[in-house]
Amino acid sequence: MNSLKLEDTAVYYCNFRSSFNVYWGQGTQV
């Protein structure tokens, strides 16, 4: 993430989608 702006402030979650399931991370604050 470059040239970050005030409006980029949020909790960011990663997400993996496989053929069988959907996974979520716990979130990280930016």
PDB file of all heavy atoms in Angstrom:
ATOM      1  N   MET A   1       0.852  -1.190   0.000  1.00  0.00           N
ATOM      2  CA  MET A   1       0.000   0.000   0.000  1.00  0.00           C
ATOM      3  C   MET A   1       0.889   1.242   0.000  1.00  0.00           C
ATOM      4  O   MET A   1       1.634   1.467   0.956  1.00  0.00           O
ATOM      5  CB  MET A   1      -0.911   0.001   1.223  1.00  0.00           C
ATOM      6  CG  MET A   1      -1.768  -1.259   1.359  1.00  0.00           C
ATOM      7  SD  MET A   1      -2.945  -1.180   2.714  1.00  0.00           S
ATOM      8  CE  MET A   1      -1.822  -1.155   4.122  1.00  0.00           C
ATOM      9  N   ASN A   2       0.830   1.994  -1.078  1.00  0.00           N
ATOM     10  CA  ASN A   2       1.601   3.221  -1.211  1.00  0.00           C
ATOM     11  C   ASN A   2       0.672   4.431  -1.271  1.00  0.00           C
ATOM     12  O   ASN A   2      -0.529   4.283  -1.512  1.00  0.00           O
ATOM     13  CB  ASN A   2       2.455   3.169  -2.478  1.00  0.00           C
ATOM     14  CG  ASN A   2       3.460   2.044  -2.468  1.00  0.00           C
ATOM     15  OD1 ASN A   2       3.962   1.638  -1.419  1.00  0.00           O
ATOM     16  ND2 ASN A   2       3.753   1.508  -3.649  1.00  0.00           N
ATOM     17  N   SER A   3       1.239   5.598  -1.055  1.00  0.00           N
ATOM     18  CA  SER A   3       0.473   6.846  -1.126  1.00  0.00           C
ATOM     19  C   SER A   3      -0.809   6.739  -0.305  1.00  0.00           C
ATOM     20  O   SER A   3      -1.902   7.083  -0.778  1.00  0.00           O
ATOM     21  CB  SER A   3       0.136   7.175  -2.591  1.00  0.00           C
ATOM     22  OG  SER A   3       1.312   7.281  -3.356  1.00  0.00           O
ATOM     23  N   LEU A   4      -0.659   6.295   0.906  1.00  0.00           N
ATOM     24  CA  LEU A   4      -1.834   6.065   1.751  1.00  0.00           C
ATOM     25  C   LEU A   4      -2.563   7.368   2.050  1.00  0.00           C
ATOM     26  O   LEU A   4      -1.948   8.427   2.222  1.00  0.00           O
ATOM     27  CB  LEU A   4      -1.429   5.367   3.038  1.00  0.00           C
ATOM     28  CG  LEU A   4      -1.166   3.861   2.880  1.00  0.00           C
ATOM     29  CD1 LEU A   4      -0.330   3.322   4.018  1.00  0.00           C
ATOM     30  CD2 LEU A   4      -2.486   3.113   2.773  1.00  0.00           C
ATOM     31  N   LYS A   5      -3.878   7.256   2.105  1.00  0.00           N
ATOM     32  CA  LYS A   5      -4.742   8.392   2.365  1.00  0.00           C
ATOM     33  C   LYS A   5      -5.511   8.174   3.676  1.00  0.00           C
ATOM     34  O   LYS A   5      -5.632   7.046   4.153  1.00  0.00           O
ATOM     35  CB  LYS A   5      -5.743   8.563   1.219  1.00  0.00           C
ATOM     36  CG  LYS A   5      -5.118   8.740  -0.142  1.00  0.00           C
ATOM     37  CD  LYS A   5      -6.192   8.832  -1.218  1.00  0.00           C
ATOM     38  CE  LYS A   5      -5.580   9.017  -2.600  1.00  0.00           C
ATOM     39  NZ  LYS A   5      -6.616   9.127  -3.660  1.00  0.00           N
ATOM     40  N   LEU A   6      -6.038   9.267   4.204  1.00  0.00           N
ATOM     41  CA  LEU A   6      -6.803   9.173   5.446  1.00  0.00           C
ATOM     42  C   LEU A   6      -7.937   8.158   5.310  1.00  0.00           C
ATOM     43  O   LEU A   6      -8.222   7.392   6.244  1.00  0.00           O
ATOM     44  CB  LEU A   6      -7.366  10.529   5.844  1.00  0.00           C
ATOM     45  CG  LEU A   6      -6.361  11.643   6.129  1.00  0.00           C
ATOM     46  CD1 LEU A   6      -7.093  12.937   6.478  1.00  0.00           C
ATOM     47  CD2 LEU A   6      -5.418  11.238   7.245  1.00  0.00           C
ATOM     48  N   GLU A   7      -8.552   8.134   4.138  1.00  0.00           N
ATOM     49  CA  GLU A   7      -9.705   7.262   3.932  1.00  0.00           C
ATOM     50  C   GLU A   7      -9.333   5.788   3.795  1.00  0.00           C
ATOM     51  O   GLU A   7     -10.213   4.938   3.675  1.00  0.00           O
ATOM     52  CB  GLU A   7     -10.515   7.707   2.703  1.00  0.00           C
ATOM     53  CG  GLU A   7      -9.707   7.904   1.452  1.00  0.00           C
ATOM     54  CD  GLU A   7      -9.274   9.347   1.239  1.00  0.00           C
ATOM     55  OE1 GLU A   7      -8.909  10.010   2.245  1.00  0.00           O
ATOM     56  OE2 GLU A   7      -9.298   9.809   0.080  1.00  0.00           O
ATOM     57  N   ASP A   8      -8.048   5.485   3.809  1.00  0.00           N
ATOM     58  CA  ASP A   8      -7.620   4.079   3.805  1.00  0.00           C
ATOM     59  C   ASP A   8      -7.644   3.486   5.211  1.00  0.00           C
ATOM     60  O   ASP A   8      -7.428   2.279   5.382  1.00  0.00           O
ATOM     61  CB  ASP A   8      -6.210   3.953   3.229  1.00  0.00           C
ATOM     62  CG  ASP A   8      -6.146   4.301   1.758  1.00  0.00           C
ATOM     63  OD1 ASP A   8      -7.079   3.922   1.010  1.00  0.00           O
ATOM     64  OD2 ASP A   8      -5.175   4.973   1.354  1.00  0.00           O
ATOM     65  N   THR A   9      -7.886   4.315   6.205  1.00  0.00           N
ATOM     66  CA  THR A   9      -7.951   3.828   7.581  1.00  0.00           C
ATOM     67  C   THR A   9      -9.078   2.818   7.727  1.00  0.00           C
ATOM     68  O   THR A   9     -10.231   3.104   7.393  1.00  0.00           O
ATOM     69  CB  THR A   9      -8.175   5.003   8.555  1.00  0.00           C
ATOM     70  OG1 THR A   9      -7.034   5.856   8.531  1.00  0.00           O
ATOM     71  CG2 THR A   9      -8.389   4.494   9.970  1.00  0.00           C
ATOM     72  N   ALA A  10      -8.735   1.628   8.204  1.00  0.00           N
ATOM     73  CA  ALA A  10      -9.720   0.548   8.339  1.00  0.00           C
ATOM     74  C   ALA A  10      -9.043  -0.671   8.950  1.00  0.00           C
ATOM     75  O   ALA A  10      -7.814  -0.706   9.100  1.00  0.00           O
ATOM     76  CB  ALA A  10     -10.298   0.178   6.973  1.00  0.00           C
ATOM     77  N   VAL A  11      -9.857  -1.659   9.266  1.00  0.00           N
ATOM     78  CA  VAL A  11      -9.326  -2.977   9.595  1.00  0.00           C
ATOM     79  C   VAL A  11      -9.268  -3.769   8.292  1.00  0.00           C
ATOM     80  O   VAL A  11     -10.268  -3.842   7.565  1.00  0.00           O
ATOM     81  CB  VAL A  11     -10.203  -3.708  10.628  1.00  0.00           C
ATOM     82  CG1 VAL A  11      -9.645  -5.108  10.904  1.00  0.00           C
ATOM     83  CG2 VAL A  11     -10.275  -2.907  11.923  1.00  0.00           C
ATOM     84  N   TYR A  12      -8.124  -4.325   8.010  1.00  0.00           N
ATOM     85  CA  TYR A  12      -7.919  -5.065   6.771  1.00  0.00           C
ATOM     86  C   TYR A  12      -7.933  -6.566   7.064  1.00  0.00           C
ATOM     87  O   TYR A  12      -7.259  -7.034   7.998  1.00  0.00           O
ATOM     88  CB  TYR A  12      -6.592  -4.663   6.128  1.00  0.00           C
ATOM     89  CG  TYR A  12      -6.651  -3.312   5.460  1.00  0.00           C
ATOM     90  CD1 TYR A  12      -6.760  -2.151   6.213  1.00  0.00           C
ATOM     91  CD2 TYR A  12      -6.619  -3.199   4.068  1.00  0.00           C
ATOM     92  CE1 TYR A  12      -6.852  -0.908   5.606  1.00  0.00           C
ATOM     93  CE2 TYR A  12      -6.699  -1.953   3.446  1.00  0.00           C
ATOM     94  CZ  TYR A  12      -6.807  -0.828   4.221  1.00  0.00           C
ATOM     95  OH  TYR A  12      -6.891   0.412   3.615  1.00  0.00           O
ATOM     96  N   TYR A  13      -8.702  -7.287   6.257  1.00  0.00           N
ATOM     97  CA  TYR A  13      -8.858  -8.733   6.425  1.00  0.00           C
ATOM     98  C   TYR A  13      -8.385  -9.454   5.166  1.00  0.00           C
ATOM     99  O   TYR A  13      -8.753  -9.070   4.059  1.00  0.00           O
ATOM    100  CB  TYR A  13     -10.323  -9.099   6.650  1.00  0.00           C
ATOM    101  CG  TYR A  13     -10.956  -8.484   7.868  1.00  0.00           C
ATOM    102  CD1 TYR A  13     -11.567  -7.238   7.796  1.00  0.00           C
ATOM    103  CD2 TYR A  13     -10.968  -9.159   9.078  1.00  0.00           C
ATOM    104  CE1 TYR A  13     -12.166  -6.669   8.910  1.00  0.00           C
ATOM    105  CE2 TYR A  13     -11.570  -8.604  10.205  1.00  0.00           C
ATOM    106  CZ  TYR A  13     -12.158  -7.361  10.102  1.00  0.00           C
ATOM    107  OH  TYR A  13     -12.758  -6.815  11.211  1.00  0.00           O
ATOM    108  N   CYS A  14      -7.624 -10.505   5.339  1.00  0.00           N
ATOM    109  CA  CYS A  14      -7.300 -11.324   4.180  1.00  0.00           C
ATOM    110  C   CYS A  14      -8.343 -12.439   4.045  1.00  0.00           C
ATOM    111  O   CYS A  14      -9.005 -12.818   5.014  1.00  0.00           O
ATOM    112  CB  CYS A  14      -5.895 -11.903   4.262  1.00  0.00           C
ATOM    113  SG  CYS A  14      -5.616 -13.053   5.601  1.00  0.00           S
ATOM    114  N   ASN A  15      -8.438 -12.937   2.844  1.00  0.00           N
ATOM    115  CA  ASN A  15      -9.479 -13.902   2.500  1.00  0.00           C
ATOM    116  C   ASN A  15      -8.934 -14.883   1.473  1.00  0.00           C
ATOM    117  O   ASN A  15      -8.380 -14.467   0.459  1.00  0.00           O
ATOM    118  CB  ASN A  15     -10.678 -13.126   1.947  1.00  0.00           C
ATOM    119  CG  ASN A  15     -11.739 -14.023   1.347  1.00  0.00           C
ATOM    120  OD1 ASN A  15     -11.672 -14.388   0.172  1.00  0.00           O
ATOM    121  ND2 ASN A  15     -12.727 -14.359   2.133  1.00  0.00           N
ATOM    122  N   PHE A  16      -9.063 -16.165   1.771  1.00  0.00           N
ATOM    123  CA  PHE A  16      -8.684 -17.217   0.825  1.00  0.00           C
ATOM    124  C   PHE A  16      -9.948 -17.986   0.445  1.00  0.00           C
ATOM    125  O   PHE A  16     -10.731 -18.364   1.322  1.00  0.00           O
ATOM    126  CB  PHE A  16      -7.702 -18.212   1.455  1.00  0.00           C
ATOM    127  CG  PHE A  16      -6.299 -17.701   1.641  1.00  0.00           C
ATOM    128  CD1 PHE A  16      -5.991 -16.365   1.494  1.00  0.00           C
ATOM    129  CD2 PHE A  16      -5.279 -18.584   1.974  1.00  0.00           C
ATOM    130  CE1 PHE A  16      -4.700 -15.894   1.679  1.00  0.00           C
ATOM    131  CE2 PHE A  16      -3.983 -18.131   2.160  1.00  0.00           C
ATOM    132  CZ  PHE A  16      -3.696 -16.788   2.022  1.00  0.00           C
ATOM    133  N   ARG A  17     -10.114 -18.219  -0.835  1.00  0.00           N
ATOM    134  CA  ARG A  17     -11.231 -19.030  -1.303  1.00  0.00           C
ATOM    135  C   ARG A  17     -10.675 -20.243  -2.038  1.00  0.00           C
ATOM    136  O   ARG A  17      -9.969 -20.091  -3.026  1.00  0.00           O
ATOM    137  CB  ARG A  17     -12.130 -18.216  -2.224  1.00  0.00           C
ATOM    138  CG  ARG A  17     -12.776 -17.036  -1.537  1.00  0.00           C
ATOM    139  CD  ARG A  17     -13.626 -16.197  -2.479  1.00  0.00           C
ATOM    140  NE  ARG A  17     -14.164 -15.027  -1.806  1.00  0.00           N
ATOM    141  CZ  ARG A  17     -15.314 -14.992  -1.159  1.00  0.00           C
ATOM    142  NH1 ARG A  17     -16.078 -16.075  -1.120  1.00  0.00           N
ATOM    143  NH2 ARG A  17     -15.722 -13.895  -0.551  1.00  0.00           N
ATOM    144  N   SER A  18     -11.021 -21.423  -1.516  1.00  0.00           N
ATOM    145  CA  SER A  18     -10.593 -22.650  -2.176  1.00  0.00           C
ATOM    146  C   SER A  18     -11.807 -23.316  -2.808  1.00  0.00           C
ATOM    147  O   SER A  18     -12.925 -22.789  -2.730  1.00  0.00           O
ATOM    148  CB  SER A  18      -9.935 -23.593  -1.168  1.00  0.00           C
ATOM    149  OG  SER A  18     -10.924 -24.190  -0.337  1.00  0.00           O
ATOM    150  N   SER A  19     -11.588 -24.465  -3.378  1.00  0.00           N
ATOM    151  CA  SER A  19     -12.698 -25.200  -3.978  1.00  0.00           C
ATOM    152  C   SER A  19     -13.646 -25.728  -2.904  1.00  0.00           C
ATOM    153  O   SER A  19     -14.766 -26.144  -3.220  1.00  0.00           O
ATOM    154  CB  SER A  19     -12.154 -26.361  -4.805  1.00  0.00           C
ATOM    155  OG  SER A  19     -11.322 -25.880  -5.836  1.00  0.00           O
ATOM    156  N   PHE A  20     -13.205 -25.713  -1.656  1.00  0.00           N
ATOM    157  CA  PHE A  20     -13.979 -26.349  -0.590  1.00  0.00           C
ATOM    158  C   PHE A  20     -14.391 -25.414   0.535  1.00  0.00           C
ATOM    159  O   PHE A  20     -15.315 -25.733   1.281  1.00  0.00           O
ATOM    160  CB  PHE A  20     -13.164 -27.499   0.019  1.00  0.00           C
ATOM    161  CG  PHE A  20     -12.554 -28.396  -1.013  1.00  0.00           C
ATOM    162  CD1 PHE A  20     -11.207 -28.299  -1.327  1.00  0.00           C
ATOM    163  CD2 PHE A  20     -13.324 -29.324  -1.693  1.00  0.00           C
ATOM    164  CE1 PHE A  20     -10.641 -29.108  -2.292  1.00  0.00           C
ATOM    165  CE2 PHE A  20     -12.778 -30.141  -2.654  1.00  0.00           C
ATOM    166  CZ  PHE A  20     -11.432 -30.033  -2.954  1.00  0.00           C
ATOM    167  N   ASN A  21     -13.715 -24.290   0.665  1.00  0.00           N
ATOM    168  CA  ASN A  21     -13.969 -23.478   1.845  1.00  0.00           C
ATOM    169  C   ASN A  21     -13.567 -22.024   1.601  1.00  0.00           C
ATOM    170  O   ASN A  21     -12.889 -21.697   0.626  1.00  0.00           O
ATOM    171  CB  ASN A  21     -13.167 -24.031   3.041  1.00  0.00           C
ATOM    172  CG  ASN A  21     -13.920 -23.887   4.348  1.00  0.00           C
ATOM    173  OD1 ASN A  21     -14.794 -23.024   4.484  1.00  0.00           O
ATOM    174  ND2 ASN A  21     -13.602 -24.735   5.309  1.00  0.00           N
ATOM    175  N   VAL A  22     -14.000 -21.177   2.537  1.00  0.00           N
ATOM    176  CA  VAL A  22     -13.615 -19.771   2.549  1.00  0.00           C
ATOM    177  C   VAL A  22     -12.970 -19.487   3.903  1.00  0.00           C
ATOM    178  O   VAL A  22     -13.514 -19.871   4.947  1.00  0.00           O
ATOM    179  CB  VAL A  22     -14.831 -18.849   2.341  1.00  0.00           C
ATOM    180  CG1 VAL A  22     -14.402 -17.389   2.422  1.00  0.00           C
ATOM    181  CG2 VAL A  22     -15.502 -19.149   1.008  1.00  0.00           C
ATOM    182  N   TYR A  23     -11.826 -18.844   3.870  1.00  0.00           N
ATOM    183  CA  TYR A  23     -11.082 -18.557   5.092  1.00  0.00           C
ATOM    184  C   TYR A  23     -10.923 -17.053   5.254  1.00  0.00           C
ATOM    185  O   TYR A  23     -10.712 -16.324   4.276  1.00  0.00           O
ATOM    186  CB  TYR A  23      -9.691 -19.197   5.026  1.00  0.00           C
ATOM    187  CG  TYR A  23      -9.696 -20.686   4.809  1.00  0.00           C
ATOM    188  CD1 TYR A  23      -9.799 -21.210   3.517  1.00  0.00           C
ATOM    189  CD2 TYR A  23      -9.584 -21.578   5.873  1.00  0.00           C
ATOM    190  CE1 TYR A  23      -9.798 -22.578   3.299  1.00  0.00           C
ATOM    191  CE2 TYR A  23      -9.580 -22.947   5.657  1.00  0.00           C
ATOM    192  CZ  TYR A  23      -9.685 -23.436   4.378  1.00  0.00           C
ATOM    193  OH  TYR A  23      -9.686 -24.795   4.172  1.00  0.00           O
ATOM    194  N   TRP A  24     -10.965 -16.606   6.504  1.00  0.00           N
ATOM    195  CA  TRP A  24     -10.777 -15.193   6.830  1.00  0.00           C
ATOM    196  C   TRP A  24      -9.696 -15.040   7.890  1.00  0.00           C
ATOM    197  O   TRP A  24      -9.593 -15.867   8.806  1.00  0.00           O
ATOM    198  CB  TRP A  24     -12.063 -14.580   7.381  1.00  0.00           C
ATOM    199  CG  TRP A  24     -13.131 -14.356   6.355  1.00  0.00           C
ATOM    200  CD1 TRP A  24     -14.166 -15.190   6.061  1.00  0.00           C
ATOM    201  CD2 TRP A  24     -13.269 -13.224   5.508  1.00  0.00           C
ATOM    202  NE1 TRP A  24     -14.935 -14.644   5.069  1.00  0.00           N
ATOM    203  CE2 TRP A  24     -14.422 -13.438   4.713  1.00  0.00           C
ATOM    204  CE3 TRP A  24     -12.539 -12.036   5.339  1.00  0.00           C
ATOM    205  CZ2 TRP A  24     -14.852 -12.511   3.758  1.00  0.00           C
ATOM    206  CZ3 TRP A  24     -12.974 -11.129   4.386  1.00  0.00           C
ATOM    207  CH2 TRP A  24     -14.121 -11.365   3.614  1.00  0.00           C
ATOM    208  N   GLY A  25      -8.904 -13.983   7.751  1.00  0.00           N
ATOM    209  CA  GLY A  25      -7.976 -13.625   8.799  1.00  0.00           C
ATOM    210  C   GLY A  25      -8.692 -12.885   9.909  1.00  0.00           C
ATOM    211  O   GLY A  25      -9.870 -12.536   9.797  1.00  0.00           O
ATOM    212  N   GLN A  26      -7.962 -12.614  10.978  1.00  0.00           N
ATOM    213  CA  GLN A  26      -8.556 -11.975  12.144  1.00  0.00           C
ATOM    214  C   GLN A  26      -8.630 -10.456  11.988  1.00  0.00           C
ATOM    215  O   GLN A  26      -9.320  -9.793  12.765  1.00  0.00           O
ATOM    216  CB  GLN A  26      -7.747 -12.328  13.411  1.00  0.00           C
ATOM    217  CG  GLN A  26      -6.467 -11.525  13.611  1.00  0.00           C
ATOM    218  CD  GLN A  26      -5.343 -11.940  12.695  1.00  0.00           C
ATOM    219  OE1 GLN A  26      -5.445 -12.881  11.912  1.00  0.00           O
ATOM    220  NE2 GLN A  26      -4.219 -11.226  12.811  1.00  0.00           N
ATOM    221  N   GLY A  27      -7.938  -9.933  11.003  1.00  0.00           N
ATOM    222  CA  GLY A  27      -7.955  -8.492  10.766  1.00  0.00           C
ATOM    223  C   GLY A  27      -6.742  -7.797  11.355  1.00  0.00           C
ATOM    224  O   GLY A  27      -6.246  -8.174  12.422  1.00  0.00           O
ATOM    225  N   THR A  28      -6.266  -6.795  10.649  1.00  0.00           N
ATOM    226  CA  THR A  28      -5.156  -5.986  11.125  1.00  0.00           C
ATOM    227  C   THR A  28      -5.496  -4.518  10.879  1.00  0.00           C
ATOM    228  O   THR A  28      -5.991  -4.152   9.820  1.00  0.00           O
ATOM    229  CB  THR A  28      -3.838  -6.376  10.439  1.00  0.00           C
ATOM    230  OG1 THR A  28      -2.754  -5.642  11.015  1.00  0.00           O
ATOM    231  CG2 THR A  28      -3.863  -6.129   8.940  1.00  0.00           C
ATOM    232  N   GLN A  29      -5.244  -3.699  11.879  1.00  0.00           N
ATOM    233  CA  GLN A  29      -5.624  -2.289  11.813  1.00  0.00           C
ATOM    234  C   GLN A  29      -4.604  -1.488  11.027  1.00  0.00           C
ATOM    235  O   GLN A  29      -3.388  -1.601  11.250  1.00  0.00           O
ATOM    236  CB  GLN A  29      -5.742  -1.704  13.224  1.00  0.00           C
ATOM    237  CG  GLN A  29      -6.078  -0.224  13.273  1.00  0.00           C
ATOM    238  CD  GLN A  29      -7.498   0.077  12.829  1.00  0.00           C
ATOM    239  OE1 GLN A  29      -8.441  -0.596  13.242  1.00  0.00           O
ATOM    240  NE2 GLN A  29      -7.655   1.106  11.993  1.00  0.00           N
ATOM    241  N   VAL A  30      -5.107  -0.673  10.121  1.00  0.00           N
ATOM    242  CA  VAL A  30      -4.292   0.307   9.402  1.00  0.00           C
ATOM    243  C   VAL A  30      -4.871   1.679   9.721  1.00  0.00           C
ATOM    244  O   VAL A  30      -6.052   1.927   9.481  1.00  0.00           O
ATOM    245  CB  VAL A  30      -4.298   0.049   7.893  1.00  0.00           C
ATOM    246  CG1 VAL A  30      -3.624   1.195   7.150  1.00  0.00           C
ATOM    247  CG2 VAL A  30      -3.608  -1.271   7.577  1.00  0.00           C
TER     248      VAL A  30
END
